Amino acid sequence: MMDIRQTLDSPVSGFVSKDFVKVSPNESVAGAVKAMMKAGTGEAIVVKDGRPIGIVTERDVLYKVVAAGKDPLNTAVSTVMSSPVESVRGDVRVGDAIAKMSKLGVRRLLVVKDERLEGIVTQKRIVSGQENVELPELVTPTGIACPYCGAVVKDASELSKHMDELHVGEGLLTGDRRKW
C-alpha cells in the first residue's frame, strides 16, 4: 500500500473513473437520475456536440429540483446543471487535484486530454481508491445499518431501496410529491 506522500505525488489518471453517465442538456432530470441510478453513480456529465458543458449531481437534484418543488419529468438538466465544469489533465498530481477541488468547493473534476473527456475523478475515489465505499459505522456483522433508523439490511442495494421507500418517499423522482 502506498503512503500518503506517494499517493499525493502520483498522477490523477490512476484514480479516474471511465464509467460515467453522459446526458444531453435537454434530458429531463428524471431521465438523468434514472441513468445515474442504473450506472450506480452520483453524477452525470452534460454533453453538447461531444463536449462537456456541465455536470448534474444528486445534490443538484435535491437542492434545485426537489427542494424547489420542480417537476423532475418536466425540468431540463440544463436548468439545474453546474457549469462550467472544472477539469484537470490526467498527468496532474493527485495533491494538485485535491487542492483544486478544495479551492473551488467541488467534489468532482473531469479529466481531459486535448479537450477530449477521458473520465471523472472524485474526492471519494481518491480517498478510498474506489467509488462505492461502505462507511465503517454503518457496517454490522449481519449487514448494513440505516443511518436514519438503524434498521439492518443485507447490502448497499437493499439500503438504498429501504431509504428510498421509508425515508425519502417512493415516487419522488417521478413527480409524486404527495409526501412532501
Protein backbone atom coordinates (compact mmCIF):
# COMPACT_ATOMS: atom_id res chain seq x y z
CA MET A 1 0.00 0.00 0.00
CA MET A 2 1.27 3.49 -0.91
CA ASP A 3 1.92 6.02 1.80
CA ILE A 4 0.16 9.39 1.63
CA ARG A 5 3.12 11.20 0.02
CA GLN A 6 3.31 8.66 -2.79
CA THR A 7 -0.42 8.97 -3.36
CA LEU A 8 -0.33 12.78 -3.43
CA ASP A 9 2.56 12.75 -5.90
CA SER A 10 1.01 10.14 -8.21
CA PRO A 11 -0.88 11.19 -11.34
CA VAL A 12 -4.64 11.62 -11.05
CA SER A 13 -5.03 9.23 -14.01
CA GLY A 14 -4.72 6.34 -11.53
CA PHE A 15 -7.96 7.41 -9.87
CA VAL A 16 -10.05 8.18 -12.94
CA SER A 17 -13.40 6.51 -13.43
CA LYS A 18 -14.09 5.90 -17.11
CA ASP A 19 -17.60 4.62 -16.38
CA PHE A 20 -19.60 7.81 -16.29
CA VAL A 21 -23.05 8.85 -17.40
CA LYS A 22 -23.43 11.34 -20.26
CA VAL A 23 -26.71 13.17 -20.87
CA SER A 24 -27.83 15.90 -23.23
CA PRO A 25 -28.78 19.33 -21.88
CA ASN A 26 -32.40 18.71 -22.96
CA GLU A 27 -32.69 15.45 -21.00
CA SER A 28 -35.22 15.60 -18.17
CA VAL A 29 -33.87 15.50 -14.64
CA ALA A 30 -35.87 12.29 -14.07
CA GLY A 31 -34.19 10.69 -17.11
CA ALA A 32 -30.74 11.74 -15.91
CA VAL A 33 -31.41 10.37 -12.43
CA LYS A 34 -32.57 7.05 -13.88
CA ALA A 35 -29.34 6.83 -15.91
CA MET A 36 -27.28 7.69 -12.81
CA MET A 37 -29.12 5.09 -10.77
CA LYS A 38 -28.61 2.42 -13.42
CA ALA A 39 -24.86 3.20 -13.55
CA GLY A 40 -24.57 3.43 -9.76
CA THR A 41 -23.09 6.91 -9.86
CA GLY A 42 -23.91 10.22 -8.22
CA GLU A 43 -23.39 12.45 -11.22
CA ALA A 44 -23.99 12.81 -14.94
CA ILE A 45 -21.85 14.78 -17.36
CA VAL A 46 -23.92 17.09 -19.57
CA VAL A 47 -22.58 16.91 -23.12
CA LYS A 48 -23.39 19.02 -26.18
CA ASP A 49 -21.78 18.42 -29.58
CA GLY A 50 -19.43 15.88 -27.96
CA ARG A 51 -18.08 18.38 -25.42
CA PRO A 52 -18.81 18.50 -21.68
CA ILE A 53 -20.73 21.68 -20.83
CA GLY A 54 -21.83 20.90 -17.29
CA ILE A 55 -22.43 18.35 -14.59
CA VAL A 56 -25.56 17.43 -12.66
CA THR A 57 -25.21 15.73 -9.28
CA GLU A 58 -27.50 14.16 -6.72
CA ARG A 59 -27.11 17.35 -4.69
CA ASP A 60 -28.21 19.47 -7.66
CA VAL A 61 -31.34 17.33 -7.95
CA LEU A 62 -32.14 17.60 -4.24
CA TYR A 63 -31.50 21.32 -3.88
CA LYS A 64 -32.52 22.70 -7.27
CA VAL A 65 -35.40 20.36 -8.11
CA VAL A 66 -36.84 18.60 -5.05
CA ALA A 67 -36.43 21.48 -2.56
CA ALA A 68 -37.62 23.98 -5.18
CA GLY A 69 -40.76 21.94 -5.86
CA LYS A 70 -39.99 21.46 -9.55
CA ASP A 71 -41.28 18.52 -11.56
CA PRO A 72 -38.28 16.31 -12.48
CA LEU A 73 -40.14 14.95 -15.51
CA ASN A 74 -40.54 18.45 -16.96
CA THR A 75 -37.29 20.06 -15.82
CA ALA A 76 -34.37 20.02 -18.26
CA VAL A 77 -30.94 19.08 -16.96
CA SER A 78 -29.56 22.32 -18.44
CA THR A 79 -31.57 24.36 -15.92
CA VAL A 80 -30.04 22.66 -12.86
CA MET A 81 -26.56 21.63 -14.00
CA SER A 82 -23.39 23.22 -12.65
CA SER A 83 -21.47 24.96 -15.39
CA PRO A 84 -18.78 25.43 -16.44
CA VAL A 85 -17.49 22.07 -15.32
CA GLU A 86 -13.99 22.04 -13.83
CA SER A 87 -11.31 19.76 -15.24
CA VAL A 88 -7.68 18.62 -14.98
CA ARG A 89 -5.34 16.65 -17.21
CA GLY A 90 -4.57 13.04 -16.30
CA ASP A 91 -0.93 13.81 -15.59
CA VAL A 92 -1.78 16.32 -12.84
CA ARG A 93 -0.66 15.21 -9.38
CA VAL A 94 -3.36 13.94 -7.01
CA GLY A 95 -2.35 16.58 -4.45
CA ASP A 96 -2.92 19.33 -7.01
CA ALA A 97 -6.32 17.89 -7.97
CA ILE A 98 -7.36 17.81 -4.29
CA ALA A 99 -6.16 21.40 -3.85
CA LYS A 100 -8.18 22.48 -6.89
CA MET A 101 -11.31 20.74 -5.59
CA SER A 102 -10.89 22.39 -2.19
CA LYS A 103 -10.25 25.84 -3.64
CA LEU A 104 -13.29 25.63 -5.94
CA GLY A 105 -15.57 23.88 -3.44
CA VAL A 106 -16.26 20.93 -5.75
CA ARG A 107 -16.06 17.18 -5.20
CA ARG A 108 -15.51 16.12 -8.80
CA LEU A 109 -13.24 17.06 -11.67
CA LEU A 110 -13.43 15.94 -15.25
CA VAL A 111 -10.23 14.51 -16.62
CA VAL A 112 -9.48 15.70 -20.13
CA LYS A 113 -6.81 15.15 -22.76
CA ASP A 114 -6.62 17.51 -25.74
CA GLU A 115 -10.09 18.84 -24.81
CA ARG A 116 -11.48 15.28 -25.00
CA LEU A 117 -13.23 13.81 -21.98
CA GLU A 118 -11.24 10.90 -20.55
CA GLY A 119 -13.18 10.34 -17.34
CA ILE A 120 -14.00 11.78 -13.93
CA VAL A 121 -12.15 11.85 -10.65
CA THR A 122 -13.95 12.28 -7.34
CA GLN A 123 -12.79 13.04 -3.81
CA LYS A 124 -14.33 9.75 -2.74
CA ARG A 125 -12.34 7.83 -5.34
CA ILE A 126 -9.06 9.49 -4.35
CA VAL A 127 -9.59 8.92 -0.64
CA SER A 128 -10.73 5.32 -0.89
CA GLY A 129 -9.28 4.14 -4.18
CA GLN A 130 -12.78 3.04 -5.16
CA GLU A 131 -16.20 4.56 -5.77
CA ASN A 132 -18.52 2.52 -3.58
CA VAL A 133 -17.29 2.66 -0.02
CA GLU A 134 -19.25 1.36 2.93
CA LEU A 135 -18.87 3.63 5.93
CA PRO A 136 -17.48 1.60 8.85
CA GLU A 137 -20.00 2.96 11.34
CA LEU A 138 -22.83 1.58 9.19
CA VAL A 139 -21.41 -1.91 8.70
CA THR A 140 -22.60 -4.54 11.18
CA PRO A 141 -21.80 -8.27 11.42
CA THR A 142 -25.16 -9.03 9.82
CA GLY A 143 -25.36 -6.29 7.18
CA ILE A 144 -25.54 -2.52 6.82
CA ALA A 145 -27.43 -0.29 9.24
CA CYS A 146 -29.66 2.52 8.03
CA PRO A 147 -28.18 5.82 9.25
CA TYR A 148 -31.69 7.19 9.87
CA CYS A 149 -33.50 4.44 11.77
CA GLY A 150 -30.85 1.78 12.47
CA ALA A 151 -32.65 -0.99 10.57
CA VAL A 152 -30.15 -3.58 9.32
CA VAL A 153 -30.32 -4.70 5.67
CA LYS A 154 -28.17 -7.20 3.78
CA ASP A 155 -26.32 -4.92 1.32
CA ALA A 156 -25.95 -1.42 -0.16
CA SER A 157 -28.66 -2.06 -2.76
CA GLU A 158 -31.17 -3.02 -0.06
CA LEU A 159 -30.13 0.02 2.00
CA SER A 160 -30.78 2.29 -0.97
CA LYS A 161 -34.22 0.73 -1.51
CA HIS A 162 -35.03 0.96 2.21
CA MET A 163 -34.05 4.63 2.39
CA ASP A 164 -35.96 5.43 -0.79
CA GLU A 165 -39.17 3.78 0.40
CA LEU A 166 -39.17 4.74 4.05
CA HIS A 167 -37.19 7.94 4.38
CA VAL A 168 -37.35 9.71 1.01
CA GLY A 169 -40.69 8.59 -0.32
CA GLU A 170 -41.30 6.30 -3.23
CA GLY A 171 -42.24 8.15 -6.37
CA LEU A 172 -40.49 11.43 -5.54
CA LEU A 173 -38.26 11.41 -8.61
CA THR A 174 -41.20 10.62 -10.85
CA GLY A 175 -43.01 13.75 -9.75
CA ASP A 176 -45.16 12.34 -6.93
CA ARG A 177 -44.73 14.94 -4.19
CA ARG A 178 -47.72 13.97 -2.02
CA LYS A 179 -45.45 13.11 0.94
CA TRP A 180 -43.69 16.46 0.63
